[in-house]
N, C-alpha and C. Protein backbone atom coordinates (compact mmCIF):
# COMPACT_ATOMS: atom_id res chain seq x y z
N UNK A 1 13.94 16.41 52.41
CA UNK A 1 14.89 17.48 52.26
C UNK A 1 14.13 18.81 52.22
N UNK A 2 14.48 19.73 53.06
CA UNK A 2 13.81 21.03 53.16
C UNK A 2 14.41 22.01 52.16
N UNK A 3 13.54 22.82 51.60
CA UNK A 3 13.96 23.84 50.65
C UNK A 3 14.38 25.08 51.42
N UNK A 4 15.60 25.53 51.18
CA UNK A 4 16.12 26.68 51.91
C UNK A 4 16.14 27.88 50.97
N UNK A 5 15.45 28.95 51.36
CA UNK A 5 15.41 30.18 50.57
C UNK A 5 16.25 31.22 51.32
N UNK A 6 17.21 31.82 50.64
CA UNK A 6 18.03 32.84 51.30
C UNK A 6 17.16 33.99 51.80
N UNK A 7 17.54 34.55 52.92
CA UNK A 7 16.79 35.63 53.55
C UNK A 7 16.71 36.86 52.65
N UNK A 8 17.78 37.16 51.89
CA UNK A 8 17.75 38.35 51.05
C UNK A 8 16.71 38.22 49.93
N UNK A 9 16.44 37.00 49.46
CA UNK A 9 15.41 36.80 48.44
C UNK A 9 14.03 37.10 49.00
N UNK A 10 13.82 36.68 50.25
CA UNK A 10 12.52 36.95 50.87
C UNK A 10 12.33 38.45 51.08
N UNK A 11 13.40 39.16 51.41
CA UNK A 11 13.30 40.61 51.58
C UNK A 11 12.98 41.27 50.25
N UNK A 12 13.59 40.81 49.15
CA UNK A 12 13.30 41.36 47.83
C UNK A 12 11.85 41.09 47.43
N UNK A 13 11.37 39.90 47.76
CA UNK A 13 9.98 39.55 47.44
C UNK A 13 9.02 40.45 48.22
N UNK A 14 9.36 40.75 49.47
CA UNK A 14 8.51 41.62 50.28
C UNK A 14 8.50 43.04 49.71
N UNK A 15 9.64 43.53 49.25
CA UNK A 15 9.69 44.86 48.65
C UNK A 15 8.93 44.92 47.34
N UNK A 16 8.91 43.82 46.61
CA UNK A 16 8.19 43.79 45.34
C UNK A 16 6.68 43.88 45.55
N UNK A 17 6.20 43.43 46.70
CA UNK A 17 4.78 43.47 46.98
C UNK A 17 4.33 44.87 47.40
N UNK A 18 5.19 45.65 48.00
CA UNK A 18 4.82 46.96 48.52
C UNK A 18 4.30 47.90 47.43
N UNK A 19 4.98 48.02 46.27
CA UNK A 19 4.43 48.94 45.26
C UNK A 19 3.04 48.54 44.78
N UNK A 20 2.75 47.26 44.72
CA UNK A 20 1.42 46.84 44.29
C UNK A 20 0.36 47.34 45.26
N UNK A 21 0.65 47.29 46.54
CA UNK A 21 -0.28 47.77 47.54
C UNK A 21 -0.52 49.27 47.42
N UNK A 22 0.54 50.01 47.11
CA UNK A 22 0.37 51.46 46.96
C UNK A 22 -0.42 51.80 45.70
N UNK A 23 -0.27 50.99 44.65
CA UNK A 23 -1.06 51.22 43.44
C UNK A 23 -2.54 50.99 43.69
N UNK A 24 -2.87 49.98 44.46
CA UNK A 24 -4.27 49.71 44.78
C UNK A 24 -4.83 50.85 45.62
N UNK A 25 -4.03 51.39 46.52
CA UNK A 25 -4.51 52.48 47.38
C UNK A 25 -4.76 53.74 46.56
N UNK A 26 -4.05 53.93 45.45
CA UNK A 26 -4.22 55.12 44.63
C UNK A 26 -5.30 54.95 43.57
N UNK A 27 -5.97 53.84 43.52
CA UNK A 27 -6.97 53.59 42.49
C UNK A 27 -8.12 54.58 42.55
N UNK A 28 -8.38 55.17 43.75
CA UNK A 28 -9.50 56.11 43.85
C UNK A 28 -9.04 57.55 43.67
N UNK A 29 -7.80 57.77 43.25
CA UNK A 29 -7.32 59.12 42.99
C UNK A 29 -8.08 59.73 41.82
N UNK A 30 -7.88 61.01 41.64
CA UNK A 30 -8.59 61.73 40.60
C UNK A 30 -7.94 61.52 39.23
N UNK A 31 -8.79 61.49 38.22
CA UNK A 31 -8.34 61.45 36.84
C UNK A 31 -8.26 62.89 36.36
N UNK A 32 -7.15 63.26 35.75
CA UNK A 32 -6.97 64.61 35.23
C UNK A 32 -7.30 64.58 33.74
N UNK A 33 -8.33 65.29 33.37
CA UNK A 33 -8.74 65.39 31.96
C UNK A 33 -8.12 66.64 31.37
N UNK A 34 -7.26 66.47 30.37
CA UNK A 34 -6.61 67.61 29.71
C UNK A 34 -7.26 67.85 28.36
N UNK A 35 -7.42 69.11 27.97
CA UNK A 35 -8.05 69.39 26.67
C UNK A 35 -7.20 68.86 25.52
N UNK A 36 -7.86 68.36 24.52
CA UNK A 36 -7.20 67.81 23.34
C UNK A 36 -7.29 68.82 22.21
N UNK A 37 -6.15 69.30 21.78
CA UNK A 37 -6.12 70.28 20.70
C UNK A 37 -6.34 69.58 19.36
N UNK A 38 -6.96 70.26 18.44
CA UNK A 38 -7.17 69.80 17.06
C UNK A 38 -8.02 68.54 16.94
N UNK A 39 -8.84 68.26 17.93
CA UNK A 39 -9.78 67.14 17.81
C UNK A 39 -10.98 67.59 16.99
N UNK A 40 -11.67 66.63 16.41
CA UNK A 40 -12.87 66.91 15.61
C UNK A 40 -14.02 66.10 16.20
N UNK A 41 -15.16 66.74 16.37
CA UNK A 41 -16.34 66.06 16.90
C UNK A 41 -17.51 66.26 15.95
N UNK A 42 -18.16 65.16 15.61
CA UNK A 42 -19.35 65.22 14.75
C UNK A 42 -20.47 64.42 15.39
N UNK A 43 -21.68 64.92 15.19
CA UNK A 43 -22.87 64.19 15.62
C UNK A 43 -23.75 64.05 14.39
N UNK A 44 -24.05 62.82 14.02
CA UNK A 44 -24.81 62.51 12.81
C UNK A 44 -24.16 63.15 11.58
N UNK A 45 -22.85 63.05 11.49
CA UNK A 45 -22.04 63.58 10.38
C UNK A 45 -22.14 65.09 10.21
N UNK A 46 -22.52 65.80 11.26
CA UNK A 46 -22.56 67.26 11.26
C UNK A 46 -21.71 67.75 12.43
N UNK A 47 -21.01 68.87 12.26
CA UNK A 47 -20.21 69.38 13.38
C UNK A 47 -21.10 69.83 14.54
N UNK A 48 -20.63 69.55 15.75
CA UNK A 48 -21.38 69.98 16.94
C UNK A 48 -21.17 71.47 17.17
N UNK A 49 -22.12 72.12 17.85
CA UNK A 49 -22.02 73.57 18.06
C UNK A 49 -21.08 73.90 19.23
N UNK A 50 -21.46 73.52 20.42
CA UNK A 50 -20.66 73.82 21.61
C UNK A 50 -20.11 72.50 22.13
N UNK A 51 -18.80 72.33 22.03
CA UNK A 51 -18.20 71.06 22.38
C UNK A 51 -16.74 71.24 22.79
N UNK A 52 -16.21 70.20 23.41
CA UNK A 52 -14.80 70.13 23.77
C UNK A 52 -14.46 68.66 23.97
N UNK A 53 -13.22 68.29 23.73
CA UNK A 53 -12.76 66.91 23.92
C UNK A 53 -11.55 66.95 24.85
N UNK A 54 -11.57 66.08 25.86
CA UNK A 54 -10.48 65.95 26.81
C UNK A 54 -9.96 64.51 26.76
N UNK A 55 -8.68 64.32 27.11
CA UNK A 55 -8.16 62.96 27.19
C UNK A 55 -7.62 62.73 28.60
N UNK A 56 -7.78 61.47 29.05
CA UNK A 56 -7.38 61.13 30.41
C UNK A 56 -6.12 60.31 30.48
N UNK A 57 -5.60 59.85 29.36
CA UNK A 57 -4.35 59.10 29.33
C UNK A 57 -3.62 59.39 28.03
N UNK A 58 -2.36 59.01 27.97
CA UNK A 58 -1.55 59.34 26.79
C UNK A 58 -1.91 58.52 25.57
N UNK A 59 -2.54 57.37 25.75
CA UNK A 59 -2.88 56.52 24.60
C UNK A 59 -4.27 56.83 24.05
N UNK A 60 -4.92 57.81 24.62
CA UNK A 60 -6.26 58.22 24.19
C UNK A 60 -7.27 57.08 24.19
N UNK A 61 -7.20 56.24 25.21
CA UNK A 61 -8.22 55.20 25.36
C UNK A 61 -9.37 55.69 26.23
N UNK A 62 -9.15 56.77 26.99
CA UNK A 62 -10.22 57.40 27.76
C UNK A 62 -10.39 58.82 27.25
N UNK A 63 -11.57 59.11 26.74
CA UNK A 63 -11.87 60.45 26.23
C UNK A 63 -13.11 60.98 26.93
N UNK A 64 -13.12 62.27 27.18
CA UNK A 64 -14.27 62.93 27.77
C UNK A 64 -14.77 63.96 26.76
N UNK A 65 -16.00 63.79 26.31
CA UNK A 65 -16.59 64.68 25.31
C UNK A 65 -17.60 65.57 26.01
N UNK A 66 -17.44 66.88 25.85
CA UNK A 66 -18.37 67.84 26.41
C UNK A 66 -19.26 68.35 25.29
N UNK A 67 -20.55 68.14 25.43
CA UNK A 67 -21.55 68.64 24.47
C UNK A 67 -22.45 69.61 25.23
N UNK A 68 -22.12 70.88 25.16
CA UNK A 68 -22.86 71.87 25.94
C UNK A 68 -22.62 71.62 27.42
N UNK A 69 -23.66 71.26 28.15
CA UNK A 69 -23.53 70.95 29.58
C UNK A 69 -23.45 69.46 29.85
N UNK A 70 -23.47 68.66 28.82
CA UNK A 70 -23.46 67.19 28.94
C UNK A 70 -22.04 66.66 28.75
N UNK A 71 -21.66 65.68 29.57
CA UNK A 71 -20.34 65.07 29.47
C UNK A 71 -20.48 63.57 29.23
N UNK A 72 -19.80 63.07 28.20
CA UNK A 72 -19.79 61.65 27.87
C UNK A 72 -18.36 61.16 27.95
N UNK A 73 -18.15 60.09 28.73
CA UNK A 73 -16.83 59.48 28.82
C UNK A 73 -16.79 58.27 27.91
N UNK A 74 -15.85 58.27 26.97
CA UNK A 74 -15.68 57.16 26.05
C UNK A 74 -14.52 56.30 26.52
N UNK A 75 -14.80 55.05 26.80
CA UNK A 75 -13.76 54.07 27.10
C UNK A 75 -13.55 53.30 25.81
N UNK A 76 -12.57 53.72 25.02
CA UNK A 76 -12.36 53.17 23.69
C UNK A 76 -11.93 51.71 23.77
N UNK A 77 -11.13 51.38 24.75
CA UNK A 77 -10.64 50.00 24.90
C UNK A 77 -11.78 49.03 25.17
N UNK A 78 -12.70 49.41 26.03
CA UNK A 78 -13.83 48.54 26.39
C UNK A 78 -15.06 48.77 25.52
N UNK A 79 -15.00 49.77 24.65
CA UNK A 79 -16.11 50.14 23.77
C UNK A 79 -17.38 50.43 24.56
N UNK A 80 -17.24 51.38 25.50
CA UNK A 80 -18.36 51.79 26.34
C UNK A 80 -18.41 53.31 26.42
N UNK A 81 -19.61 53.84 26.59
CA UNK A 81 -19.80 55.27 26.78
C UNK A 81 -20.62 55.46 28.06
N UNK A 82 -20.13 56.33 28.94
CA UNK A 82 -20.80 56.63 30.20
C UNK A 82 -21.17 58.11 30.21
N UNK A 83 -22.34 58.42 30.75
CA UNK A 83 -22.72 59.81 30.93
C UNK A 83 -22.27 60.24 32.33
N UNK A 84 -21.45 61.29 32.37
CA UNK A 84 -20.87 61.76 33.62
C UNK A 84 -21.67 62.95 34.13
N UNK A 85 -21.96 62.93 35.42
CA UNK A 85 -22.67 64.03 36.06
C UNK A 85 -21.73 65.24 36.11
N UNK A 86 -22.11 66.39 35.54
CA UNK A 86 -21.23 67.56 35.53
C UNK A 86 -20.87 68.07 36.92
N UNK A 87 -21.71 67.77 37.93
CA UNK A 87 -21.42 68.20 39.29
C UNK A 87 -20.25 67.43 39.90
N UNK A 88 -19.92 66.28 39.33
CA UNK A 88 -18.82 65.46 39.83
C UNK A 88 -17.47 65.88 39.24
N UNK A 89 -17.48 66.81 38.29
CA UNK A 89 -16.26 67.30 37.67
C UNK A 89 -15.84 68.61 38.34
N UNK A 90 -14.56 68.74 38.58
CA UNK A 90 -14.02 69.96 39.18
C UNK A 90 -13.08 70.62 38.17
N UNK A 91 -13.32 71.88 37.88
CA UNK A 91 -12.51 72.60 36.87
C UNK A 91 -11.33 73.27 37.55
N UNK A 92 -10.13 73.02 37.00
CA UNK A 92 -8.89 73.67 37.44
C UNK A 92 -8.22 74.25 36.21
N UNK A 93 -8.50 75.49 35.90
CA UNK A 93 -7.96 76.12 34.70
C UNK A 93 -8.56 75.45 33.47
N UNK A 94 -7.71 74.93 32.59
CA UNK A 94 -8.17 74.24 31.38
C UNK A 94 -8.51 72.77 31.63
N UNK A 95 -8.03 72.21 32.74
CA UNK A 95 -8.22 70.79 33.00
C UNK A 95 -9.45 70.55 33.87
N UNK A 96 -9.90 69.31 33.84
CA UNK A 96 -11.01 68.87 34.68
C UNK A 96 -10.52 67.73 35.57
N UNK A 97 -10.97 67.70 36.81
CA UNK A 97 -10.63 66.63 37.74
C UNK A 97 -11.89 65.82 38.02
N UNK A 98 -11.70 64.50 38.09
CA UNK A 98 -12.84 63.60 38.29
C UNK A 98 -12.36 62.35 39.01
N UNK A 99 -13.17 61.81 39.89
CA UNK A 99 -12.83 60.59 40.61
C UNK A 99 -13.38 59.37 39.88
N UNK A 100 -12.56 58.36 39.76
CA UNK A 100 -12.97 57.11 39.11
C UNK A 100 -14.14 56.46 39.84
N UNK A 101 -14.23 56.68 41.14
CA UNK A 101 -15.33 56.08 41.92
C UNK A 101 -16.69 56.70 41.58
N UNK A 102 -16.71 57.84 40.91
CA UNK A 102 -17.96 58.48 40.50
C UNK A 102 -18.48 57.97 39.17
N UNK A 103 -17.84 56.95 38.63
CA UNK A 103 -18.25 56.38 37.35
C UNK A 103 -19.61 55.70 37.50
N UNK A 104 -20.55 55.96 36.59
CA UNK A 104 -21.87 55.31 36.68
C UNK A 104 -21.74 53.79 36.57
N UNK A 105 -22.71 53.11 37.15
CA UNK A 105 -22.68 51.65 37.14
C UNK A 105 -22.88 51.06 35.75
N UNK A 106 -23.79 51.66 34.98
CA UNK A 106 -24.10 51.11 33.66
C UNK A 106 -23.74 52.10 32.55
N UNK A 107 -23.16 51.59 31.49
CA UNK A 107 -22.89 52.48 30.35
C UNK A 107 -24.15 52.72 29.53
N UNK A 108 -24.09 53.70 28.65
CA UNK A 108 -25.18 53.92 27.71
C UNK A 108 -25.18 52.79 26.69
N UNK A 109 -26.34 52.50 26.14
CA UNK A 109 -26.44 51.43 25.14
C UNK A 109 -25.89 51.96 23.82
N UNK A 110 -24.88 51.27 23.31
CA UNK A 110 -24.23 51.69 22.06
C UNK A 110 -24.14 50.51 21.10
N UNK A 111 -23.90 50.83 19.85
CA UNK A 111 -23.68 49.80 18.83
C UNK A 111 -22.84 50.40 17.71
N UNK A 112 -22.51 49.59 16.75
CA UNK A 112 -21.79 50.01 15.54
C UNK A 112 -20.50 50.77 15.85
N UNK A 113 -19.68 50.22 16.72
CA UNK A 113 -18.41 50.85 17.05
C UNK A 113 -17.46 50.72 15.86
N UNK A 114 -16.76 51.80 15.58
CA UNK A 114 -15.74 51.82 14.54
C UNK A 114 -14.53 52.57 15.10
N UNK A 115 -13.40 51.89 15.18
CA UNK A 115 -12.16 52.50 15.65
C UNK A 115 -11.13 52.26 14.56
N UNK A 116 -10.70 53.33 13.92
CA UNK A 116 -9.79 53.21 12.78
C UNK A 116 -8.62 54.17 12.94
N UNK A 117 -7.49 53.74 12.47
CA UNK A 117 -6.33 54.60 12.37
C UNK A 117 -6.40 55.26 10.99
N UNK A 118 -6.64 56.56 10.96
CA UNK A 118 -6.80 57.27 9.70
C UNK A 118 -5.57 58.12 9.42
N UNK A 119 -4.40 57.54 9.58
CA UNK A 119 -3.16 58.26 9.31
C UNK A 119 -2.78 59.16 10.46
N UNK A 120 -3.00 60.43 10.33
CA UNK A 120 -2.62 61.39 11.36
C UNK A 120 -3.69 61.53 12.44
N UNK A 121 -4.76 60.75 12.36
CA UNK A 121 -5.82 60.82 13.36
C UNK A 121 -6.38 59.42 13.62
N UNK A 122 -6.92 59.27 14.83
CA UNK A 122 -7.65 58.05 15.18
C UNK A 122 -9.12 58.41 15.13
N UNK A 123 -9.90 57.62 14.40
CA UNK A 123 -11.32 57.88 14.22
C UNK A 123 -12.12 56.91 15.08
N UNK A 124 -12.95 57.46 15.95
CA UNK A 124 -13.78 56.67 16.86
C UNK A 124 -15.23 57.04 16.59
N UNK A 125 -16.03 56.04 16.27
CA UNK A 125 -17.42 56.27 15.91
C UNK A 125 -18.29 55.24 16.63
N UNK A 126 -19.40 55.70 17.20
CA UNK A 126 -20.34 54.80 17.88
C UNK A 126 -21.75 55.37 17.77
N UNK A 127 -22.71 54.47 17.76
CA UNK A 127 -24.12 54.86 17.71
C UNK A 127 -24.69 54.78 19.12
N UNK A 128 -25.31 55.88 19.56
CA UNK A 128 -26.03 55.90 20.83
C UNK A 128 -27.44 55.38 20.55
N UNK A 129 -27.70 54.15 20.91
CA UNK A 129 -28.95 53.48 20.52
C UNK A 129 -30.17 54.18 21.10
N UNK A 130 -30.11 54.57 22.36
CA UNK A 130 -31.26 55.20 23.01
C UNK A 130 -31.66 56.52 22.39
N UNK A 131 -30.72 57.22 21.79
CA UNK A 131 -30.99 58.53 21.20
C UNK A 131 -31.04 58.49 19.68
N UNK A 132 -30.57 57.40 19.09
CA UNK A 132 -30.56 57.28 17.64
C UNK A 132 -29.55 58.19 16.97
N UNK A 133 -28.52 58.58 17.69
CA UNK A 133 -27.50 59.49 17.15
C UNK A 133 -26.17 58.76 16.99
N UNK A 134 -25.36 59.27 16.06
CA UNK A 134 -24.03 58.72 15.83
C UNK A 134 -23.01 59.76 16.30
N UNK A 135 -22.13 59.34 17.20
CA UNK A 135 -21.09 60.20 17.74
C UNK A 135 -19.76 59.82 17.10
N UNK A 136 -19.05 60.79 16.56
CA UNK A 136 -17.75 60.52 15.94
C UNK A 136 -16.73 61.51 16.49
N UNK A 137 -15.60 60.97 16.95
CA UNK A 137 -14.51 61.78 17.46
C UNK A 137 -13.27 61.41 16.67
N UNK A 138 -12.56 62.43 16.20
CA UNK A 138 -11.28 62.22 15.53
C UNK A 138 -10.21 62.85 16.39
N UNK A 139 -9.27 62.00 16.84
CA UNK A 139 -8.21 62.42 17.75
C UNK A 139 -6.90 62.46 16.98
N UNK A 140 -6.18 63.59 17.01
CA UNK A 140 -4.91 63.65 16.28
C UNK A 140 -3.87 62.72 16.90
N UNK A 141 -3.04 62.13 16.05
CA UNK A 141 -1.97 61.22 16.49
C UNK A 141 -0.64 61.76 16.01
N UNK A 142 0.35 61.61 16.85
CA UNK A 142 1.70 61.95 16.45
C UNK A 142 2.30 60.78 15.68
N UNK A 143 3.08 61.04 14.66
CA UNK A 143 3.67 59.92 13.92
C UNK A 143 4.70 59.18 14.78
N UNK A 144 4.80 57.87 14.56
CA UNK A 144 5.76 57.05 15.28
C UNK A 144 7.12 57.16 14.59
N UNK A 145 8.04 57.85 15.23
CA UNK A 145 9.35 58.11 14.64
C UNK A 145 10.42 57.14 15.15
N UNK A 146 10.02 56.12 15.91
CA UNK A 146 11.01 55.19 16.45
C UNK A 146 11.81 54.46 15.37
N UNK A 147 11.24 54.09 14.23
CA UNK A 147 12.05 53.39 13.20
C UNK A 147 13.17 54.26 12.63
N UNK A 148 13.07 55.56 12.79
CA UNK A 148 14.10 56.45 12.24
C UNK A 148 15.36 56.51 13.09
N UNK A 149 15.28 56.05 14.33
CA UNK A 149 16.44 56.10 15.22
C UNK A 149 17.42 55.01 14.93
């Protein structure tokens, strides 16, 4: 007995595959880094002098830390830190544009990761083993007001 699949189901299945293909094609698009207001950056428990923090997504799992002319990308989800070449970043007003394909092959050696929810802020701390320094970023969080609805 042969299995008969209606033609309209096959058409729906074909349409469902199309968006996946377009998502793969957009994987090399630019990441827009927006400045993060009210962030706190410390190095070895001391405030940094010239710095800025940018975020690349709404959940703050990708952060870009600017220390003078040096840029460090923190992938909080994977617990990795990459050093980004400043020449690969393009400035557009307050934002920075960067291609995911320019990501270095190897991350910096890190240890002692600490990711904590500290109430109104998320605290991210990691030790840069090669430099012997501790990097700490505190990212402000909006309160979750969904239970109030």
